Amino acid sequence: MKHHPKVELSPLASQLYEAHVSFLLNQCSGDTWLQQVEAEITALRSVLEQVTLNQLINKKDLLATIQTVLVDYPIDRSEIAKHRHDLFLDVQKTILHAEINTQTHLSDVFSKKQNQQLVEKIIDLSELREQIISALLNSSIYVQLVSDVLYNGIKDFMLEENFLAKMPGVSTMLKMSKWSLSKTLPNLDTFVEKTAKDFIKQHIPKTVELSERILNKSLSGDSIRQVAEHIWSQVHHKTLDSAQDYIRDQDLVDFVTLSEAFWFHYRKSAHFIEICSVFIEYWLEKHGERTPVSFFDSLGGDTSLLIQELKRHSLHWIQVAKEQGYLEQRIRAGLAPFYQSKQVTQLLAVAESER
């Protein structure tokens, strides 16, 4: 990469060109480069204190970019999707199987106080909790489950667990009666089962309503806190690698596949673009008259920290670019058209004639 195409210039233009290239390369070294980084960020901040977000951001253009990049661009093409899928999986597997997980407890990354705050928020969502309970208890699956449980409970009690069946002599009499009835009415069990279940189903609405009232009353703030405290006491000391007992590598594959399938579908929906439009309009209406610097600062932005981190990393990046010859190549590519231009050629011809 260190080979540079020869630029045809007059002797004076060639000297100026080489001097200019050398000057810019020297500007990209050591303390000089670090001073430039600081100067450019400071200058940019100064400019961004004088313009508003509304001046810099056009809603129509931004939506067009979102449409192009997130909707129209074929990110679900098979070869692209596979590479991205594999990348996500590698990241998740690396994190899941990291050695540090064997030494890190849940309480190290999620404090008891945060757990308590989460529980209190769940308690606050009482209306949502009640709606979920109502939906679950009124489902056909729950109705069928309750019918079966009640029927079998009543049947077992009447035939095996009630106090009459345990009295001396009565147990034998009940068994003989049952045998006799079975001989006379061979389909008695089926008839009793159907009749009992029909009776239970007729009374299911009251049973469900009672269950709902009891459950809502039981799930009070205090009971939820007690359950949460019990769960926390059981899991807070466990190390993060215990997650591998519940989440297998195949589960990670499935999660990534499901997430991608959702995104590929959702990004094509009218809802996605409309939500983006609504948000951009709201955001610009609320913050549009602020300067970028004001908005940056309100989010905790720190220009001095930004300068410090750019200095930390950019000096290494620029050094690699120099070693690879890339930096000099791009400097030459940028300057050559200027020194080859008609205007410069004429100016230097005049200067040489006056020497």
Protein backbone atom coordinates (compact mmCIF):
# COMPACT_ATOMS: atom_id res chain seq x y z
CA MET A 1 0.00 0.00 0.00
CA LYS A 2 3.03 2.27 0.26
CA HIS A 3 3.27 2.64 -3.52
CA HIS A 4 1.98 6.03 -4.67
CA PRO A 5 1.13 6.90 -8.28
CA LYS A 6 3.42 9.52 -9.77
CA VAL A 7 1.88 12.97 -10.12
CA GLU A 8 3.00 14.95 -13.15
CA LEU A 9 3.86 18.47 -11.92
CA SER A 10 6.23 21.26 -12.70
CA PRO A 11 9.40 21.34 -10.54
CA LEU A 12 8.05 24.11 -8.26
CA ALA A 13 4.60 22.51 -7.97
CA SER A 14 6.23 19.17 -7.18
CA GLN A 15 8.30 20.74 -4.39
CA LEU A 16 5.23 22.41 -2.88
CA TYR A 17 3.22 19.22 -3.23
CA GLU A 18 5.82 17.10 -1.42
CA ALA A 19 6.28 19.76 1.26
CA HIS A 20 2.52 19.86 1.80
CA VAL A 21 2.29 16.07 2.07
CA SER A 22 5.18 16.01 4.54
CA PHE A 23 3.62 18.79 6.61
CA LEU A 24 0.26 17.01 6.92
CA LEU A 25 1.93 13.70 7.80
CA ASN A 26 3.87 15.45 10.57
CA GLN A 27 0.61 16.97 11.81
CA CYS A 28 -0.63 13.44 12.33
CA SER A 29 2.07 12.48 14.80
CA GLY A 30 2.40 12.50 18.58
CA ASP A 31 1.50 15.62 20.52
CA THR A 32 0.70 17.58 17.36
CA TRP A 33 -2.06 15.11 16.47
CA LEU A 34 -3.45 15.10 20.02
CA GLN A 35 -3.58 18.90 20.01
CA GLN A 36 -5.44 18.78 16.70
CA VAL A 37 -7.99 16.34 18.07
CA GLU A 38 -8.69 18.63 21.00
CA ALA A 39 -8.81 21.72 18.80
CA GLU A 40 -11.23 20.14 16.29
CA ILE A 41 -13.65 18.86 18.94
CA THR A 42 -13.58 22.20 20.73
CA ALA A 43 -14.22 24.02 17.45
CA LEU A 44 -17.04 21.64 16.53
CA ARG A 45 -18.64 22.13 19.93
CA SER A 46 -18.45 25.88 19.43
CA VAL A 47 -20.28 25.61 16.08
CA LEU A 48 -22.90 23.22 17.49
CA GLU A 49 -23.69 25.74 20.21
CA GLN A 50 -24.96 28.13 17.54
CA VAL A 51 -27.34 25.92 15.55
CA THR A 52 -30.51 24.08 16.58
CA LEU A 53 -31.52 20.49 16.10
CA ASN A 54 -34.31 21.67 13.80
CA GLN A 55 -31.70 23.24 11.54
CA LEU A 56 -29.63 20.07 11.40
CA ILE A 57 -32.36 17.42 11.22
CA ASN A 58 -34.99 17.19 8.51
CA LYS A 59 -37.81 14.80 9.42
CA LYS A 60 -38.52 13.85 5.81
CA ASP A 61 -34.87 13.05 5.08
CA LEU A 62 -34.47 11.11 8.32
CA LEU A 63 -37.55 9.01 7.60
CA ALA A 64 -36.26 8.36 4.09
CA THR A 65 -32.97 7.12 5.57
CA ILE A 66 -34.81 4.84 8.00
CA GLN A 67 -36.90 3.51 5.11
CA THR A 68 -33.80 2.83 3.02
CA VAL A 69 -31.51 1.41 5.70
CA LEU A 70 -33.94 -0.45 7.98
CA VAL A 71 -36.83 -1.37 5.67
CA ASP A 72 -35.76 -1.58 2.03
CA TYR A 73 -32.19 -2.80 2.48
CA PRO A 74 -32.17 -6.61 2.06
CA ILE A 75 -30.75 -7.51 5.48
CA ASP A 76 -32.78 -10.72 5.39
CA ARG A 77 -30.90 -11.99 2.34
CA SER A 78 -29.79 -15.54 3.12
CA GLU A 79 -26.01 -15.01 3.09
CA ILE A 80 -26.22 -11.76 5.08
CA ALA A 81 -28.70 -13.24 7.55
CA LYS A 82 -26.47 -16.28 8.13
CA HIS A 83 -23.37 -14.22 8.90
CA ARG A 84 -25.29 -11.95 11.26
CA HIS A 85 -27.03 -14.93 12.87
CA ASP A 86 -23.67 -16.62 13.50
CA LEU A 87 -22.20 -13.39 14.90
CA PHE A 88 -25.05 -12.94 17.39
CA LEU A 89 -24.75 -16.56 18.45
CA ASP A 90 -20.99 -16.30 18.95
CA VAL A 91 -21.45 -13.23 21.14
CA GLN A 92 -24.19 -14.84 23.25
CA LYS A 93 -22.36 -18.14 23.64
CA THR A 94 -19.14 -16.37 24.60
CA ILE A 95 -20.97 -14.39 27.27
CA LEU A 96 -22.92 -17.40 28.54
CA HIS A 97 -19.82 -19.61 28.82
CA ALA A 98 -17.39 -16.95 30.05
CA GLU A 99 -15.14 -18.20 32.87
CA ILE A 100 -15.94 -15.13 35.00
CA ASN A 101 -19.52 -16.39 35.31
CA THR A 102 -18.30 -19.18 37.61
CA GLN A 103 -17.05 -16.56 40.08
CA THR A 104 -19.84 -13.98 39.78
CA HIS A 105 -22.98 -14.25 41.86
CA LEU A 106 -26.38 -12.88 40.89
CA SER A 107 -26.17 -10.39 43.76
CA ASP A 108 -22.93 -9.03 42.26
CA VAL A 109 -24.73 -7.77 39.15
CA PHE A 110 -28.27 -7.29 40.48
CA SER A 111 -28.58 -5.94 44.01
CA LYS A 112 -31.22 -6.79 46.60
CA LYS A 113 -32.36 -3.17 46.52
CA GLN A 114 -32.95 -3.35 42.76
CA ASN A 115 -34.88 -6.57 43.26
CA GLN A 116 -37.08 -4.88 45.86
CA GLN A 117 -37.69 -1.91 43.56
CA LEU A 118 -38.71 -4.28 40.77
CA VAL A 119 -41.11 -6.08 43.11
CA GLU A 120 -42.68 -2.79 44.19
CA LYS A 121 -43.22 -1.86 40.54
CA ILE A 122 -44.90 -5.23 39.92
CA ILE A 123 -47.14 -4.59 42.93
CA ASP A 124 -48.07 -1.18 41.49
CA LEU A 125 -49.29 -2.85 38.29
CA SER A 126 -52.38 -4.17 40.05
CA GLU A 127 -54.79 -3.52 37.16
CA LEU A 128 -52.60 -5.39 34.70
CA ARG A 129 -52.17 -8.24 37.17
CA GLU A 130 -55.94 -8.51 37.66
CA GLN A 131 -56.57 -8.54 33.90
CA ILE A 132 -54.01 -11.30 33.39
CA ILE A 133 -55.55 -13.37 36.18
CA SER A 134 -59.03 -12.85 34.74
CA ALA A 135 -57.92 -13.86 31.24
CA LEU A 136 -56.20 -17.01 32.53
CA LEU A 137 -59.02 -18.14 34.81
CA ASN A 138 -61.71 -17.60 32.17
CA SER A 139 -59.87 -19.58 29.52
CA SER A 140 -61.34 -22.88 28.31
CA ILE A 141 -58.21 -24.71 29.44
CA TYR A 142 -58.64 -23.54 33.03
CA VAL A 143 -62.35 -24.38 32.98
CA GLN A 144 -61.60 -27.91 31.80
CA LEU A 145 -58.82 -28.28 34.39
CA VAL A 146 -61.08 -27.17 37.24
CA SER A 147 -63.86 -29.50 36.06
CA ASP A 148 -61.52 -32.50 36.06
CA VAL A 149 -59.98 -31.61 39.42
CA LEU A 150 -63.35 -31.07 41.11
CA TYR A 151 -64.84 -34.20 39.63
CA ASN A 152 -61.97 -36.45 40.65
CA GLY A 153 -61.81 -34.85 44.07
CA ILE A 154 -65.53 -35.37 44.69
CA LYS A 155 -65.39 -38.90 43.32
CA ASP A 156 -62.39 -39.88 45.46
CA PHE A 157 -63.96 -38.35 48.55
CA MET A 158 -67.28 -40.10 48.10
CA LEU A 159 -65.79 -43.50 47.37
CA GLU A 160 -62.63 -43.57 49.43
CA GLU A 161 -62.03 -40.68 51.80
CA ASN A 162 -65.40 -39.75 53.34
CA PHE A 163 -66.10 -40.68 56.92
CA LEU A 164 -68.96 -43.12 56.06
CA ALA A 165 -66.61 -45.21 53.94
CA LYS A 166 -64.29 -45.61 56.93
CA MET A 167 -66.96 -46.77 59.40
CA PRO A 168 -66.85 -50.52 60.25
CA GLY A 169 -69.15 -52.48 57.94
CA VAL A 170 -70.12 -49.47 55.87
CA SER A 171 -67.06 -49.76 53.65
CA THR A 172 -67.99 -53.35 52.73
CA MET A 173 -71.61 -52.39 52.13
CA LEU A 174 -70.61 -49.50 49.83
CA LYS A 175 -68.31 -51.76 47.82
CA MET A 176 -71.09 -54.40 47.50
CA SER A 177 -73.58 -51.73 46.47
CA LYS A 178 -71.18 -50.40 43.89
CA TRP A 179 -70.61 -53.95 42.54
CA SER A 180 -74.33 -54.63 42.41
CA LEU A 181 -75.08 -51.37 40.62
CA SER A 182 -72.28 -52.02 38.17
CA LYS A 183 -73.85 -55.37 37.27
CA THR A 184 -77.31 -53.83 36.89
CA LEU A 185 -76.12 -50.62 35.17
CA PRO A 186 -72.83 -51.40 33.40
CA ASN A 187 -72.48 -47.82 32.16
CA LEU A 188 -73.05 -46.31 35.58
CA ASP A 189 -69.51 -44.88 35.92
CA THR A 190 -69.75 -43.18 32.55
CA PHE A 191 -73.20 -41.81 33.38
CA VAL A 192 -72.08 -40.57 36.81
CA GLU A 193 -68.96 -38.99 35.33
CA LYS A 194 -70.91 -37.16 32.61
CA THR A 195 -73.63 -36.05 35.03
CA ALA A 196 -71.12 -34.85 37.61
CA LYS A 197 -69.05 -32.99 35.05
CA ASP A 198 -72.14 -31.39 33.52
CA PHE A 199 -73.18 -30.24 36.98
CA ILE A 200 -69.71 -28.87 37.66
CA LYS A 201 -69.57 -27.04 34.34
CA GLN A 202 -72.88 -25.36 35.06
CA HIS A 203 -71.38 -24.00 38.26
CA ILE A 204 -67.98 -23.16 36.77
CA PRO A 205 -68.71 -19.41 36.38
CA LYS A 206 -69.23 -19.11 40.14
CA THR A 207 -66.15 -21.25 40.78
CA VAL A 208 -64.01 -19.12 38.46
CA GLU A 209 -65.36 -15.92 39.97
CA LEU A 210 -64.56 -17.22 43.45
CA SER A 211 -61.09 -18.34 42.33
CA GLU A 212 -60.45 -14.92 40.83
CA ARG A 213 -61.49 -13.12 44.01
CA ILE A 214 -59.40 -15.40 46.19
CA LEU A 215 -56.36 -15.13 43.92
CA ASN A 216 -56.56 -11.34 43.66
CA LYS A 217 -56.93 -11.11 47.41
CA SER A 218 -54.07 -13.54 47.98
CA LEU A 219 -51.78 -11.64 45.62
CA SER A 220 -51.59 -8.66 47.91
CA GLY A 221 -48.52 -6.50 48.20
CA ASP A 222 -47.37 -8.35 51.32
CA SER A 223 -47.77 -11.82 49.80
CA ILE A 224 -45.92 -10.82 46.61
CA ARG A 225 -43.11 -9.36 48.71
CA GLN A 226 -42.89 -12.58 50.73
CA VAL A 227 -42.72 -14.73 47.59
CA ALA A 228 -40.14 -12.40 46.03
CA GLU A 229 -38.05 -12.43 49.20
CA HIS A 230 -38.16 -16.22 49.26
CA ILE A 231 -37.11 -16.46 45.61
CA TRP A 232 -34.30 -13.96 46.19
CA SER A 233 -33.02 -15.95 49.15
CA GLN A 234 -32.91 -19.04 46.93
CA VAL A 235 -31.10 -17.51 43.95
CA HIS A 236 -29.00 -14.49 45.03
CA HIS A 237 -26.01 -16.63 46.00
CA LYS A 238 -25.98 -18.64 42.77
CA THR A 239 -23.24 -17.97 40.24
CA LEU A 240 -24.13 -16.76 36.76
CA ASP A 241 -22.89 -19.95 35.13
CA SER A 242 -25.88 -21.75 36.70
CA ALA A 243 -27.89 -20.22 33.85
CA GLN A 244 -26.36 -22.98 31.71
CA ASP A 245 -28.54 -25.43 33.67
CA TYR A 246 -31.61 -23.82 32.12
CA ILE A 247 -30.42 -22.23 28.85
CA ARG A 248 -28.75 -24.54 26.37
CA ASP A 249 -26.85 -23.53 23.27
CA GLN A 250 -29.82 -24.67 21.19
CA ASP A 251 -32.03 -22.30 23.18
CA LEU A 252 -29.74 -19.43 22.17
CA VAL A 253 -30.09 -20.49 18.54
CA ASP A 254 -33.86 -20.48 18.90
CA PHE A 255 -33.91 -17.06 20.62
CA VAL A 256 -31.79 -15.49 17.88
CA THR A 257 -33.91 -17.10 15.16
CA LEU A 258 -37.16 -15.89 16.75
CA SER A 259 -35.80 -12.37 17.27
CA GLU A 260 -34.64 -12.14 13.68
CA ALA A 261 -37.94 -13.49 12.36
CA PHE A 262 -39.81 -10.87 14.38
CA TRP A 263 -37.57 -8.03 13.17
CA PHE A 264 -37.68 -9.11 9.52
CA HIS A 265 -41.47 -9.09 9.70
CA TYR A 266 -41.97 -6.00 11.85
CA ARG A 267 -39.65 -3.72 9.88
CA LYS A 268 -41.85 -4.23 6.81
CA SER A 269 -45.03 -3.30 8.67
CA ALA A 270 -46.74 0.08 8.34
CA HIS A 271 -46.66 0.34 12.11
CA PHE A 272 -42.85 0.55 12.23
CA ILE A 273 -42.50 3.56 9.92
CA GLU A 274 -45.51 5.28 11.49
CA ILE A 275 -44.04 4.86 14.98
CA CYS A 276 -40.70 6.25 13.74
CA SER A 277 -42.54 9.23 12.24
CA VAL A 278 -44.49 9.87 15.44
CA PHE A 279 -41.35 9.68 17.57
CA ILE A 280 -39.26 11.96 15.33
CA GLU A 281 -42.06 14.53 15.22
CA TYR A 282 -42.47 14.41 19.01
CA TRP A 283 -38.71 14.58 19.61
CA LEU A 284 -38.18 17.55 17.29
CA GLU A 285 -41.20 19.34 18.72
CA LYS A 286 -39.84 18.92 22.23
CA HIS A 287 -36.11 19.39 21.59
CA GLY A 288 -35.87 20.90 18.12
CA GLU A 289 -35.08 24.43 19.29
CA ARG A 290 -32.26 23.25 21.52
CA THR A 291 -28.69 23.18 20.30
CA PRO A 292 -26.97 19.81 19.84
CA VAL A 293 -24.57 20.78 22.62
CA SER A 294 -27.42 21.56 25.01
CA PHE A 295 -29.07 18.21 24.27
CA PHE A 296 -25.73 16.37 24.54
CA ASP A 297 -25.00 18.00 27.91
CA SER A 298 -28.50 17.23 29.24
CA LEU A 299 -27.81 13.52 28.67
CA GLY A 300 -24.65 13.71 30.73
CA GLY A 301 -22.32 14.41 27.82
CA ASP A 302 -18.80 15.44 28.77
CA THR A 303 -16.67 17.07 26.06
CA SER A 304 -13.47 16.74 28.06
CA LEU A 305 -14.12 13.00 28.50
CA LEU A 306 -14.82 12.68 24.77
CA ILE A 307 -11.54 14.43 23.95
CA GLN A 308 -9.66 12.24 26.42
CA GLU A 309 -11.03 8.99 24.94
CA LEU A 310 -10.47 10.10 21.35
CA LYS A 311 -6.90 10.96 22.22
CA ARG A 312 -6.49 7.56 23.83
CA HIS A 313 -7.64 5.62 20.77
CA SER A 314 -7.03 7.86 17.74
CA LEU A 315 -3.27 8.13 18.20
CA HIS A 316 -3.02 4.35 17.80
CA TRP A 317 -5.39 4.35 14.82
CA ILE A 318 -3.48 7.11 13.03
CA GLN A 319 -0.19 5.32 13.66
CA VAL A 320 -1.55 2.12 12.09
CA ALA A 321 -2.78 4.15 9.09
CA LYS A 322 0.69 5.65 8.69
CA GLU A 323 2.46 2.29 8.96
CA GLN A 324 0.15 0.81 6.32
CA GLY A 325 0.78 3.73 3.99
CA TYR A 326 -2.93 4.44 3.90
CA LEU A 327 -2.66 7.89 5.47
CA GLU A 328 -0.05 9.16 3.05
CA GLN A 329 -1.97 7.68 0.13
CA ARG A 330 -5.14 9.52 1.08
CA ILE A 331 -3.27 12.79 1.73
CA ARG A 332 -1.65 12.57 -1.71
CA ALA A 333 -4.97 11.65 -3.34
CA GLY A 334 -6.56 14.72 -1.77
CA LEU A 335 -3.79 17.18 -2.63
CA ALA A 336 -2.86 16.03 -6.15
CA PRO A 337 -5.96 17.44 -7.91
CA PHE A 338 -5.29 20.82 -6.31
CA TYR A 339 -1.65 20.99 -7.44
CA GLN A 340 -2.62 19.74 -10.90
CA SER A 341 -5.41 22.28 -11.23
CA LYS A 342 -5.28 25.02 -13.89
CA GLN A 343 -5.42 27.78 -11.28
CA VAL A 344 -2.37 26.52 -9.36
CA THR A 345 -0.47 25.85 -12.56
CA GLN A 346 -1.06 29.46 -13.70
CA LEU A 347 -0.10 30.92 -10.28
CA LEU A 348 3.11 28.91 -10.10
CA ALA A 349 3.98 29.83 -13.71
CA VAL A 350 3.69 33.51 -12.80
CA ALA A 351 5.77 32.95 -9.64
CA GLU A 352 8.51 31.18 -11.60
CA SER A 353 8.59 33.88 -14.25
CA GLU A 354 9.10 36.53 -11.58
CA ARG A 355 11.99 34.73 -9.91
